[in-house]
Amino acid sequence: MIAGITGIVTAVQEDRLHVDVGSMVVEVLMPRISCQRARQGQEVTLRTHLYLEGSGVSGRLTPVLIGFETEEERSFFDRITTVKGMGARKALRAWMIPLPQWASAIETGDERTLKSLPEIGATMAKRLVAELRGKMDLFAIPGEAASPTEEDQDLVADALSVLVQLGYKRVDAERIVDKVLRKWEGEPGDSEELVREVLRSIG
């Protein structure tokens, strides 16, 4: 299993990068929005997903490496490709908007935005909402209430510190705390109270 690679981009195409990892040049399929940001000659570190493409019946299986800029993007990809009809290549070709915007469209039932993505018609838009709504808030755009006030800064910092010590990446920790604050009834009394609520939310 190839979990990640680091190297220099030697070629940029619409849906893939060629990355020189030292002893070889690796072709990596990427979300189209990521390919648009990539530049030849830049160093990249990608989280990767290796899968076999083709038919086991015919015996023609081709290993394909997919790359993502963050672990969060890889997790989102794994989730949306559980939807019937949303294959790996379709998901990558459709990925033309930032992750939080795409996740928010699913979470809020915004089928108009979903249908505007390449290869996502009305049927697939409805299917994405039906199967994934309620499961995207970790990836979605934070609401107004997610931004802590100045008085809450120390409380939030304590909660983030706990999650980072537990092994969460900073960006994931921020989204978890963000989610708790949006659903909080009233204001957290102290850092211990907020930390307990955050830990409860992650089980």
N, C-alpha and C. Protein backbone atom coordinates (compact mmCIF):
# COMPACT_ATOMS: atom_id res chain seq x y z
N MET A 1 0.85 -1.20 0.00
CA MET A 1 0.00 0.00 0.00
C MET A 1 0.88 1.24 0.00
N ILE A 2 0.64 2.14 -0.93
CA ILE A 2 1.39 3.40 -1.00
C ILE A 2 0.53 4.47 -0.34
N ALA A 3 0.92 4.92 0.85
CA ALA A 3 0.11 5.87 1.61
C ALA A 3 0.41 7.32 1.26
N GLY A 4 1.58 7.57 0.68
CA GLY A 4 1.92 8.94 0.33
C GLY A 4 3.24 9.01 -0.42
N ILE A 5 3.43 10.11 -1.14
CA ILE A 5 4.68 10.31 -1.86
C ILE A 5 5.10 11.78 -1.75
N THR A 6 6.40 12.02 -1.88
CA THR A 6 6.94 13.37 -1.94
C THR A 6 7.89 13.44 -3.12
N GLY A 7 7.76 14.47 -3.93
CA GLY A 7 8.64 14.60 -5.08
C GLY A 7 8.42 15.89 -5.83
N ILE A 8 9.03 15.98 -7.00
CA ILE A 8 8.96 17.18 -7.83
C ILE A 8 8.03 16.94 -9.02
N VAL A 9 7.13 17.87 -9.25
CA VAL A 9 6.20 17.76 -10.38
C VAL A 9 6.96 17.99 -11.68
N THR A 10 6.90 17.00 -12.57
CA THR A 10 7.58 17.13 -13.86
C THR A 10 6.61 17.39 -15.01
N ALA A 11 5.34 17.12 -14.79
CA ALA A 11 4.35 17.38 -15.84
C ALA A 11 2.97 17.53 -15.18
N VAL A 12 2.18 18.46 -15.75
CA VAL A 12 0.83 18.71 -15.25
C VAL A 12 -0.16 18.51 -16.38
N GLN A 13 -1.12 17.63 -16.19
CA GLN A 13 -2.18 17.44 -17.17
C GLN A 13 -3.52 17.79 -16.51
N GLU A 14 -4.58 17.69 -17.27
CA GLU A 14 -5.89 18.12 -16.78
C GLU A 14 -6.32 17.35 -15.54
N ASP A 15 -5.99 16.05 -15.50
CA ASP A 15 -6.48 15.21 -14.40
C ASP A 15 -5.39 14.41 -13.71
N ARG A 16 -4.12 14.75 -13.96
CA ARG A 16 -3.03 13.97 -13.35
C ARG A 16 -1.73 14.76 -13.33
N LEU A 17 -0.85 14.31 -12.43
CA LEU A 17 0.49 14.87 -12.34
C LEU A 17 1.50 13.75 -12.55
N HIS A 18 2.68 14.12 -13.07
CA HIS A 18 3.82 13.23 -13.07
C HIS A 18 4.76 13.76 -11.99
N VAL A 19 5.12 12.89 -11.05
CA VAL A 19 5.93 13.32 -9.91
C VAL A 19 7.21 12.48 -9.86
N ASP A 20 8.35 13.18 -9.88
CA ASP A 20 9.66 12.53 -9.78
C ASP A 20 9.95 12.31 -8.29
N VAL A 21 9.95 11.05 -7.90
CA VAL A 21 10.18 10.72 -6.48
C VAL A 21 11.61 10.27 -6.22
N GLY A 22 12.50 10.51 -7.17
CA GLY A 22 13.92 10.20 -6.97
C GLY A 22 14.41 9.08 -7.84
N SER A 23 13.80 7.91 -7.71
CA SER A 23 14.24 6.77 -8.50
C SER A 23 13.27 6.45 -9.63
N MET A 24 12.14 7.14 -9.67
CA MET A 24 11.15 6.93 -10.72
C MET A 24 10.22 8.13 -10.81
N VAL A 25 9.52 8.21 -11.95
CA VAL A 25 8.48 9.22 -12.13
C VAL A 25 7.13 8.51 -12.03
N VAL A 26 6.30 8.98 -11.11
CA VAL A 26 5.03 8.33 -10.83
C VAL A 26 3.87 9.16 -11.40
N GLU A 27 2.96 8.48 -12.08
CA GLU A 27 1.75 9.16 -12.56
C GLU A 27 0.68 9.08 -11.48
N VAL A 28 0.14 10.23 -11.11
CA VAL A 28 -0.83 10.29 -10.02
C VAL A 28 -2.09 11.01 -10.51
N LEU A 29 -3.22 10.32 -10.49
CA LEU A 29 -4.49 10.97 -10.79
C LEU A 29 -4.85 11.89 -9.64
N MET A 30 -5.41 13.06 -9.97
CA MET A 30 -5.71 14.06 -8.94
C MET A 30 -7.08 14.69 -9.20
N PRO A 31 -7.71 15.27 -8.17
CA PRO A 31 -8.88 16.10 -8.41
C PRO A 31 -8.51 17.22 -9.40
N ARG A 32 -9.44 17.54 -10.29
CA ARG A 32 -9.11 18.53 -11.33
C ARG A 32 -8.75 19.88 -10.74
N ILE A 33 -9.38 20.25 -9.63
CA ILE A 33 -9.07 21.54 -9.03
C ILE A 33 -7.63 21.57 -8.51
N SER A 34 -7.12 20.42 -8.06
CA SER A 34 -5.74 20.33 -7.59
C SER A 34 -4.75 20.44 -8.75
N CYS A 35 -5.10 19.82 -9.88
CA CYS A 35 -4.24 19.90 -11.06
C CYS A 35 -4.13 21.34 -11.56
N GLN A 36 -5.22 22.10 -11.43
CA GLN A 36 -5.19 23.48 -11.88
C GLN A 36 -4.25 24.33 -11.03
N ARG A 37 -4.06 23.94 -9.78
CA ARG A 37 -3.18 24.69 -8.89
C ARG A 37 -1.72 24.26 -9.02
N ALA A 38 -1.48 23.07 -9.52
CA ALA A 38 -0.13 22.51 -9.56
C ALA A 38 0.73 23.21 -10.61
N ARG A 39 2.03 23.27 -10.35
CA ARG A 39 2.98 23.90 -11.27
C ARG A 39 4.19 22.99 -11.46
N GLN A 40 4.64 22.90 -12.68
CA GLN A 40 5.83 22.09 -12.97
C GLN A 40 7.02 22.63 -12.19
N GLY A 41 7.78 21.73 -11.58
CA GLY A 41 8.96 22.12 -10.84
C GLY A 41 8.73 22.29 -9.35
N GLN A 42 7.47 22.31 -8.90
CA GLN A 42 7.21 22.48 -7.47
C GLN A 42 7.33 21.14 -6.75
N GLU A 43 7.70 21.20 -5.50
CA GLU A 43 7.73 19.99 -4.67
C GLU A 43 6.36 19.78 -4.06
N VAL A 44 5.89 18.54 -4.08
CA VAL A 44 4.58 18.23 -3.52
C VAL A 44 4.70 17.03 -2.59
N THR A 45 3.86 17.03 -1.58
CA THR A 45 3.68 15.87 -0.72
C THR A 45 2.21 15.49 -0.82
N LEU A 46 1.95 14.29 -1.29
CA LEU A 46 0.57 13.87 -1.55
C LEU A 46 0.21 12.67 -0.70
N ARG A 47 -1.03 12.68 -0.18
CA ARG A 47 -1.60 11.48 0.43
C ARG A 47 -2.20 10.68 -0.70
N THR A 48 -1.95 9.40 -0.75
CA THR A 48 -2.34 8.63 -1.92
C THR A 48 -3.26 7.47 -1.60
N HIS A 49 -3.93 7.03 -2.64
CA HIS A 49 -4.86 5.90 -2.56
C HIS A 49 -4.59 5.03 -3.78
N LEU A 50 -4.23 3.77 -3.56
CA LEU A 50 -3.93 2.85 -4.66
C LEU A 50 -5.10 1.88 -4.84
N TYR A 51 -5.60 1.81 -6.07
CA TYR A 51 -6.67 0.85 -6.32
C TYR A 51 -6.47 0.19 -7.67
N LEU A 52 -7.15 -0.94 -7.87
CA LEU A 52 -7.05 -1.68 -9.12
C LEU A 52 -8.26 -1.36 -9.99
N GLU A 53 -7.99 -0.90 -11.18
CA GLU A 53 -9.04 -0.50 -12.11
C GLU A 53 -9.19 -1.56 -13.20
N GLY A 54 -10.42 -1.92 -13.50
CA GLY A 54 -10.66 -2.90 -14.55
C GLY A 54 -11.60 -3.98 -14.10
N SER A 55 -11.65 -5.04 -14.83
CA SER A 55 -12.56 -6.15 -14.55
C SER A 55 -11.79 -7.39 -14.12
N GLY A 56 -12.13 -7.89 -12.94
CA GLY A 56 -11.50 -9.11 -12.48
C GLY A 56 -11.91 -10.31 -13.31
N VAL A 57 -13.07 -10.20 -13.96
CA VAL A 57 -13.56 -11.30 -14.79
C VAL A 57 -12.64 -11.50 -15.99
N SER A 58 -12.25 -10.38 -16.61
CA SER A 58 -11.39 -10.46 -17.78
C SER A 58 -9.92 -10.64 -17.40
N GLY A 59 -9.63 -10.42 -16.14
CA GLY A 59 -8.25 -10.57 -15.69
C GLY A 59 -7.38 -9.36 -16.01
N ARG A 60 -8.00 -8.27 -16.47
CA ARG A 60 -7.22 -7.07 -16.82
C ARG A 60 -7.43 -6.03 -15.73
N LEU A 61 -6.54 -6.02 -14.77
CA LEU A 61 -6.59 -5.07 -13.67
C LEU A 61 -5.35 -4.18 -13.73
N THR A 62 -5.57 -2.87 -13.69
CA THR A 62 -4.47 -1.92 -13.78
C THR A 62 -4.36 -1.14 -12.48
N PRO A 63 -3.18 -1.14 -11.84
CA PRO A 63 -3.02 -0.34 -10.62
C PRO A 63 -3.03 1.16 -10.95
N VAL A 64 -3.81 1.91 -10.21
CA VAL A 64 -3.93 3.36 -10.41
C VAL A 64 -3.68 4.05 -9.08
N LEU A 65 -2.81 5.06 -9.11
CA LEU A 65 -2.50 5.82 -7.90
C LEU A 65 -3.22 7.16 -7.95
N ILE A 66 -3.99 7.46 -6.90
CA ILE A 66 -4.72 8.72 -6.79
C ILE A 66 -4.08 9.53 -5.68
N GLY A 67 -3.89 10.83 -5.90
CA GLY A 67 -3.24 11.68 -4.92
C GLY A 67 -4.13 12.81 -4.43
N PHE A 68 -3.90 13.21 -3.19
CA PHE A 68 -4.65 14.31 -2.58
C PHE A 68 -3.69 15.21 -1.81
N GLU A 69 -4.04 16.47 -1.73
CA GLU A 69 -3.18 17.43 -1.04
C GLU A 69 -3.26 17.30 0.48
N THR A 70 -4.39 16.79 1.00
CA THR A 70 -4.55 16.64 2.44
C THR A 70 -5.22 15.31 2.76
N GLU A 71 -5.05 14.88 3.99
CA GLU A 71 -5.72 13.67 4.46
C GLU A 71 -7.23 13.86 4.45
N GLU A 72 -7.66 15.08 4.69
CA GLU A 72 -9.09 15.40 4.69
C GLU A 72 -9.69 15.15 3.31
N GLU A 73 -8.97 15.54 2.26
CA GLU A 73 -9.46 15.30 0.89
C GLU A 73 -9.56 13.81 0.60
N ARG A 74 -8.58 13.05 1.06
CA ARG A 74 -8.62 11.60 0.83
C ARG A 74 -9.82 10.98 1.55
N SER A 75 -10.10 11.43 2.75
CA SER A 75 -11.24 10.91 3.51
C SER A 75 -12.56 11.25 2.83
N PHE A 76 -12.65 12.47 2.31
CA PHE A 76 -13.86 12.89 1.59
C PHE A 76 -14.06 12.04 0.34
N PHE A 77 -12.98 11.80 -0.39
CA PHE A 77 -13.04 10.97 -1.59
C PHE A 77 -13.54 9.56 -1.25
N ASP A 78 -12.99 8.98 -0.19
CA ASP A 78 -13.40 7.64 0.22
C ASP A 78 -14.90 7.61 0.52
N ARG A 79 -15.42 8.71 1.06
CA ARG A 79 -16.82 8.75 1.45
C ARG A 79 -17.74 8.91 0.24
N ILE A 80 -17.41 9.84 -0.66
CA ILE A 80 -18.33 10.07 -1.79
C ILE A 80 -18.31 8.91 -2.79
N THR A 81 -17.21 8.17 -2.84
CA THR A 81 -17.17 7.04 -3.78
C THR A 81 -17.91 5.81 -3.26
N THR A 82 -18.52 5.93 -2.08
CA THR A 82 -19.40 4.86 -1.62
C THR A 82 -20.79 4.99 -2.25
N VAL A 83 -21.07 6.14 -2.84
CA VAL A 83 -22.37 6.38 -3.47
C VAL A 83 -22.44 5.62 -4.80
N LYS A 84 -23.52 4.93 -5.03
CA LYS A 84 -23.68 4.14 -6.24
C LYS A 84 -23.54 5.01 -7.48
N GLY A 85 -22.70 4.58 -8.41
CA GLY A 85 -22.50 5.31 -9.65
C GLY A 85 -21.41 6.37 -9.59
N MET A 86 -20.88 6.64 -8.39
CA MET A 86 -19.81 7.63 -8.26
C MET A 86 -18.47 6.91 -8.19
N GLY A 87 -17.93 6.59 -9.35
CA GLY A 87 -16.65 5.92 -9.42
C GLY A 87 -15.51 6.88 -9.15
N ALA A 88 -14.32 6.32 -9.03
CA ALA A 88 -13.14 7.13 -8.70
C ALA A 88 -12.87 8.21 -9.74
N ARG A 89 -12.86 7.84 -11.01
CA ARG A 89 -12.55 8.82 -12.05
C ARG A 89 -13.63 9.89 -12.16
N LYS A 90 -14.89 9.49 -12.02
CA LYS A 90 -15.97 10.48 -12.07
C LYS A 90 -15.83 11.48 -10.93
N ALA A 91 -15.51 10.99 -9.74
CA ALA A 91 -15.36 11.88 -8.58
C ALA A 91 -14.22 12.88 -8.81
N LEU A 92 -13.12 12.41 -9.37
CA LEU A 92 -11.97 13.30 -9.62
C LEU A 92 -12.28 14.33 -10.69
N ARG A 93 -13.00 13.90 -11.75
CA ARG A 93 -13.35 14.85 -12.81
C ARG A 93 -14.36 15.89 -12.33
N ALA A 94 -15.23 15.47 -11.41
CA ALA A 94 -16.26 16.40 -10.91
C ALA A 94 -15.70 17.39 -9.91
N TRP A 95 -14.55 17.11 -9.36
CA TRP A 95 -13.98 17.91 -8.26
C TRP A 95 -13.42 19.22 -8.79
N MET A 96 -14.31 20.17 -9.04
CA MET A 96 -13.92 21.46 -9.62
C MET A 96 -14.16 22.62 -8.67
N ILE A 97 -14.62 22.34 -7.45
CA ILE A 97 -14.82 23.38 -6.44
C ILE A 97 -14.10 22.95 -5.16
N PRO A 98 -13.78 23.91 -4.29
CA PRO A 98 -13.08 23.55 -3.04
C PRO A 98 -13.88 22.54 -2.22
N LEU A 99 -13.17 21.71 -1.50
CA LEU A 99 -13.80 20.67 -0.69
C LEU A 99 -14.89 21.20 0.24
N PRO A 100 -14.67 22.28 1.02
CA PRO A 100 -15.73 22.74 1.92
C PRO A 100 -17.01 23.14 1.19
N GLN A 101 -16.86 23.72 -0.02
CA GLN A 101 -18.04 24.12 -0.79
C GLN A 101 -18.82 22.91 -1.29
N TRP A 102 -18.10 21.88 -1.73
CA TRP A 102 -18.76 20.66 -2.22
C TRP A 102 -19.48 19.96 -1.06
N ALA A 103 -18.79 19.85 0.07
CA ALA A 103 -19.38 19.19 1.23
C ALA A 103 -20.60 19.96 1.73
N SER A 104 -20.52 21.28 1.73
CA SER A 104 -21.64 22.10 2.18
C SER A 104 -22.85 21.94 1.27
N ALA A 105 -22.60 21.81 -0.03
CA ALA A 105 -23.70 21.62 -0.97
C ALA A 105 -24.45 20.32 -0.67
N ILE A 106 -23.71 19.28 -0.33
CA ILE A 106 -24.35 18.00 0.04
C ILE A 106 -25.10 18.15 1.35
N GLU A 107 -24.45 18.79 2.33
CA GLU A 107 -25.01 18.89 3.67
C GLU A 107 -26.29 19.74 3.70
N THR A 108 -26.34 20.76 2.83
CA THR A 108 -27.51 21.64 2.80
C THR A 108 -28.53 21.26 1.74
N GLY A 109 -28.24 20.20 0.97
CA GLY A 109 -29.17 19.79 -0.08
C GLY A 109 -29.18 20.72 -1.28
N ASP A 110 -28.06 21.38 -1.53
CA ASP A 110 -27.96 22.34 -2.64
C ASP A 110 -27.70 21.58 -3.95
N GLU A 111 -28.74 21.03 -4.52
CA GLU A 111 -28.60 20.22 -5.74
C GLU A 111 -28.20 21.08 -6.93
N ARG A 112 -28.54 22.34 -6.92
CA ARG A 112 -28.16 23.22 -8.03
C ARG A 112 -26.64 23.31 -8.16
N THR A 113 -25.95 23.49 -7.04
CA THR A 113 -24.48 23.54 -7.08
C THR A 113 -23.91 22.20 -7.50
N LEU A 114 -24.47 21.12 -6.98
CA LEU A 114 -23.97 19.78 -7.33
C LEU A 114 -24.14 19.51 -8.82
N LYS A 115 -25.27 19.90 -9.38
CA LYS A 115 -25.52 19.66 -10.81
C LYS A 115 -24.61 20.48 -11.69
N SER A 116 -24.03 21.55 -11.15
CA SER A 116 -23.12 22.39 -11.96
C SER A 116 -21.75 21.74 -12.13
N LEU A 117 -21.47 20.69 -11.35
CA LEU A 117 -20.18 20.02 -11.46
C LEU A 117 -20.17 19.08 -12.66
N PRO A 118 -19.02 18.92 -13.31
CA PRO A 118 -18.93 18.02 -14.47
C PRO A 118 -19.39 16.61 -14.13
N GLU A 119 -20.24 16.06 -14.98
CA GLU A 119 -20.70 14.66 -14.88
C GLU A 119 -21.65 14.40 -13.71
N ILE A 120 -22.03 15.44 -12.96
CA ILE A 120 -22.99 15.27 -11.88
C ILE A 120 -24.34 15.80 -12.35
N GLY A 121 -25.18 14.92 -12.85
CA GLY A 121 -26.50 15.32 -13.30
C GLY A 121 -27.49 15.35 -12.15
N ALA A 122 -28.77 15.53 -12.51
CA ALA A 122 -29.82 15.65 -11.49
C ALA A 122 -29.93 14.39 -10.64
N THR A 123 -29.83 13.23 -11.28
CA THR A 123 -29.97 11.97 -10.54
C THR A 123 -28.85 11.78 -9.53
N MET A 124 -27.61 12.02 -9.96
CA MET A 124 -26.48 11.86 -9.05
C MET A 124 -26.51 12.91 -7.94
N ALA A 125 -26.94 14.13 -8.25
CA ALA A 125 -27.04 15.17 -7.23
C ALA A 125 -28.00 14.74 -6.13
N LYS A 126 -29.15 14.21 -6.52
CA LYS A 126 -30.13 13.74 -5.54
C LYS A 126 -29.58 12.57 -4.73
N ARG A 127 -28.83 11.70 -5.41
CA ARG A 127 -28.29 10.52 -4.74
C ARG A 127 -27.22 10.92 -3.71
N LEU A 128 -26.38 11.88 -4.06
CA LEU A 128 -25.36 12.36 -3.13
C LEU A 128 -26.00 12.93 -1.86
N VAL A 129 -27.04 13.73 -2.05
CA VAL A 129 -27.71 14.33 -0.90
C VAL A 129 -28.41 13.26 -0.07
N ALA A 130 -29.10 12.35 -0.75
CA ALA A 130 -29.86 11.32 -0.04
C ALA A 130 -28.96 10.40 0.79
N GLU A 131 -27.79 10.06 0.25
CA GLU A 131 -26.93 9.08 0.93
C GLU A 131 -25.91 9.69 1.88
N LEU A 132 -25.56 10.99 1.66
CA LEU A 132 -24.46 11.56 2.44
C LEU A 132 -24.86 12.73 3.32
N ARG A 133 -26.07 13.24 3.16
CA ARG A 133 -26.48 14.36 3.99
C ARG A 133 -26.45 13.96 5.46
N GLY A 134 -25.88 14.82 6.28
CA GLY A 134 -25.72 14.50 7.69
C GLY A 134 -24.37 13.87 8.01
N LYS A 135 -23.59 13.59 6.97
CA LYS A 135 -22.28 12.97 7.16
C LYS A 135 -21.14 13.85 6.67
N MET A 136 -21.47 15.08 6.26
CA MET A 136 -20.48 15.95 5.63
C MET A 136 -20.07 17.14 6.47
N ASP A 137 -20.65 17.29 7.67
CA ASP A 137 -20.39 18.51 8.42
C ASP A 137 -18.93 18.68 8.83
N LEU A 138 -18.19 17.58 8.93
CA LEU A 138 -16.77 17.68 9.26
C LEU A 138 -15.98 18.35 8.15
N PHE A 139 -16.48 18.25 6.90
CA PHE A 139 -15.77 18.81 5.75
C PHE A 139 -16.35 20.15 5.30
N ALA A 140 -17.56 20.50 5.77
CA ALA A 140 -18.30 21.63 5.22
C ALA A 140 -17.78 22.97 5.71
N ILE A 141 -18.24 24.03 5.03
CA ILE A 141 -17.87 25.40 5.40
C ILE A 141 -18.44 25.71 6.78
N PRO A 142 -17.63 26.18 7.72
CA PRO A 142 -18.14 26.52 9.04
C PRO A 142 -19.15 27.66 8.97
N GLY A 143 -20.14 27.62 9.84
CA GLY A 143 -21.13 28.69 9.90
C GLY A 143 -20.60 29.85 10.72
N GLU A 144 -21.41 30.88 10.80
CA GLU A 144 -21.02 32.08 11.53
C GLU A 144 -20.67 31.75 12.99
N ALA A 145 -21.49 30.87 13.59
CA ALA A 145 -21.30 30.58 15.01
C ALA A 145 -20.02 29.82 15.28
N ALA A 146 -19.39 29.32 14.22
CA ALA A 146 -18.18 28.52 14.43
C ALA A 146 -16.98 29.36 14.84
N SER A 147 -17.00 30.67 14.52
CA SER A 147 -15.87 31.51 14.84
C SER A 147 -15.93 31.92 16.30
N PRO A 148 -14.96 31.54 17.10
CA PRO A 148 -15.03 31.85 18.52
C PRO A 148 -14.85 33.34 18.78
N THR A 149 -15.49 33.83 19.84
CA THR A 149 -15.30 35.21 20.25
C THR A 149 -13.95 35.32 20.94
N GLU A 150 -13.54 36.55 21.24
CA GLU A 150 -12.25 36.74 21.91
C GLU A 150 -12.24 36.05 23.26
N GLU A 151 -13.39 36.05 23.95
CA GLU A 151 -13.46 35.43 25.28
C GLU A 151 -13.29 33.93 25.21
N ASP A 152 -13.63 33.34 24.04
CA ASP A 152 -13.57 31.88 23.90
C ASP A 152 -12.22 31.39 23.38
N GLN A 153 -11.33 32.29 23.01
CA GLN A 153 -10.08 31.87 22.36
C GLN A 153 -9.29 30.88 23.21
N ASP A 154 -9.15 31.15 24.50
CA ASP A 154 -8.38 30.26 25.37
C ASP A 154 -9.05 28.90 25.50
N LEU A 155 -10.40 28.90 25.56
CA LEU A 155 -11.12 27.64 25.67
C LEU A 155 -10.91 26.79 24.43
N VAL A 156 -11.00 27.41 23.27
CA VAL A 156 -10.82 26.70 22.00
C VAL A 156 -9.39 26.18 21.89
N ALA A 157 -8.42 26.99 22.29
CA ALA A 157 -7.02 26.58 22.22
C ALA A 157 -6.77 25.33 23.07
N ASP A 158 -7.40 25.28 24.25
CA ASP A 158 -7.25 24.10 25.11
C ASP A 158 -7.83 22.86 24.44
N ALA A 159 -9.02 23.00 23.85
CA ALA A 159 -9.66 21.86 23.19
C ALA A 159 -8.84 21.39 22.00
N LEU A 160 -8.30 22.32 21.23
CA LEU A 160 -7.46 21.96 20.09
C LEU A 160 -6.20 21.23 20.55
N SER A 161 -5.61 21.72 21.63
CA SER A 161 -4.39 21.10 22.16
C SER A 161 -4.64 19.64 22.54
N VAL A 162 -5.79 19.37 23.16
CA VAL A 162 -6.12 18.00 23.56
C VAL A 162 -6.23 17.10 22.34
N LEU A 163 -6.93 17.57 21.29
CA LEU A 163 -7.11 16.75 20.09
C LEU A 163 -5.79 16.50 19.38
N VAL A 164 -4.94 17.52 19.31
CA VAL A 164 -3.63 17.35 18.67
C VAL A 164 -2.80 16.32 19.45
N GLN A 165 -2.86 16.37 20.78
CA GLN A 165 -2.14 15.39 21.59
C GLN A 165 -2.67 13.98 21.38
N LEU A 166 -3.96 13.88 21.02
CA LEU A 166 -4.55 12.57 20.75
C LEU A 166 -4.21 12.04 19.36
N GLY A 167 -3.52 12.88 18.56
CA GLY A 167 -3.07 12.42 17.25
C GLY A 167 -3.82 13.01 16.08
N TYR A 168 -4.78 13.93 16.34
CA TYR A 168 -5.51 14.54 15.24
C TYR A 168 -4.65 15.62 14.58
N LYS A 169 -4.79 15.75 13.26
CA LYS A 169 -4.13 16.85 12.56
C LYS A 169 -4.82 18.16 12.96
N ARG A 170 -4.08 19.24 12.89
CA ARG A 170 -4.61 20.54 13.33
C ARG A 170 -5.90 20.89 12.60
N VAL A 171 -5.92 20.68 11.26
CA VAL A 171 -7.10 21.06 10.48
C VAL A 171 -8.31 20.23 10.89
N ASP A 172 -8.09 18.95 11.19
CA ASP A 172 -9.21 18.10 11.63
C ASP A 172 -9.69 18.50 13.02
N ALA A 173 -8.74 18.83 13.89
CA ALA A 173 -9.09 19.25 15.24
C ALA A 173 -9.93 20.53 15.21
N GLU A 174 -9.55 21.46 14.34
CA GLU A 174 -10.29 22.71 14.25
C GLU A 174 -11.73 22.47 13.79
N ARG A 175 -11.92 21.54 12.87
CA ARG A 175 -13.27 21.27 12.37
C ARG A 175 -14.12 20.57 13.44
N ILE A 176 -13.50 19.72 14.24
CA ILE A 176 -14.25 19.04 15.30
C ILE A 176 -14.72 20.05 16.34
N VAL A 177 -13.82 20.94 16.76
CA VAL A 177 -14.20 21.96 17.73
C VAL A 177 -15.24 22.90 17.12
N ASP A 178 -15.05 23.22 15.85
CA ASP A 178 -15.98 24.06 15.10
C ASP A 178 -17.39 23.47 15.16
N LYS A 179 -17.48 22.18 14.91
CA LYS A 179 -18.76 21.47 14.90
C LYS A 179 -19.42 21.55 16.27
N VAL A 180 -18.64 21.36 17.33
CA VAL A 180 -19.19 21.40 18.69
C VAL A 180 -19.71 22.80 19.01
N LEU A 181 -18.95 23.82 18.66
CA LEU A 181 -19.36 25.19 18.96
C LEU A 181 -20.64 25.57 18.23
N ARG A 182 -20.80 25.07 16.99
CA ARG A 182 -22.01 25.40 16.23
C ARG A 182 -23.25 24.79 16.86
N LYS A 183 -23.08 23.62 17.51
CA LYS A 183 -24.22 22.92 18.09
C LYS A 183 -24.41 23.22 19.58
N TRP A 184 -23.49 24.04 20.12
CA TRP A 184 -23.51 24.28 21.56
C TRP A 184 -24.76 25.07 21.94
N GLU A 185 -25.41 24.63 22.99
CA GLU A 185 -26.57 25.36 23.52
C GLU A 185 -26.06 26.23 24.65
N GLY A 186 -25.95 27.52 24.39
CA GLY A 186 -25.37 28.43 25.37
C GLY A 186 -23.88 28.56 25.14
N GLU A 187 -23.17 29.11 26.12
CA GLU A 187 -21.74 29.32 26.00
C GLU A 187 -20.99 28.35 26.92
N PRO A 188 -19.84 27.82 26.49
CA PRO A 188 -19.07 26.94 27.36
C PRO A 188 -18.62 27.69 28.60
N GLY A 189 -18.77 27.08 29.75
CA GLY A 189 -18.42 27.76 30.98
C GLY A 189 -16.92 27.84 31.21
N ASP A 190 -16.21 26.75 30.89
CA ASP A 190 -14.76 26.75 31.07
C ASP A 190 -14.15 25.75 30.10
N SER A 191 -12.81 25.70 30.06
CA SER A 191 -12.13 24.85 29.08
C SER A 191 -12.43 23.38 29.32
N GLU A 192 -12.55 22.96 30.60
CA GLU A 192 -12.83 21.56 30.88
C GLU A 192 -14.19 21.14 30.32
N GLU A 193 -15.16 22.04 30.42
CA GLU A 193 -16.49 21.74 29.90
C GLU A 193 -16.44 21.58 28.38
N LEU A 194 -15.72 22.46 27.71
CA LEU A 194 -15.62 22.39 26.25
C LEU A 194 -14.87 21.13 25.83
N VAL A 195 -13.78 20.82 26.52
CA VAL A 195 -13.01 19.62 26.18
C VAL A 195 -13.87 18.37 26.36
N ARG A 196 -14.64 18.29 27.45
CA ARG A 196 -15.51 17.14 27.66
C ARG A 196 -16.51 16.99 26.52
N GLU A 197 -17.06 18.11 26.06
CA GLU A 197 -18.04 18.05 24.97
C GLU A 197 -17.38 17.62 23.66
N VAL A 198 -16.17 18.11 23.42
CA VAL A 198 -15.43 17.73 22.21
C VAL A 198 -15.13 16.22 22.23
N LEU A 199 -14.65 15.72 23.36
CA LEU A 199 -14.33 14.30 23.46
C LEU A 199 -15.60 13.45 23.33
N ARG A 200 -16.71 13.94 23.85
CA ARG A 200 -17.97 13.22 23.72
C ARG A 200 -18.39 13.14 22.24
N SER A 201 -18.12 14.21 21.49
CA SER A 201 -18.55 14.25 20.09
C SER A 201 -17.79 13.27 19.21
N ILE A 202 -16.57 12.90 19.63
CA ILE A 202 -15.77 11.97 18.82
C ILE A 202 -15.84 10.54 19.39
N GLY A 203 -16.71 10.36 20.37
CA GLY A 203 -16.92 9.02 20.90
C GLY A 203 -15.89 8.61 21.91
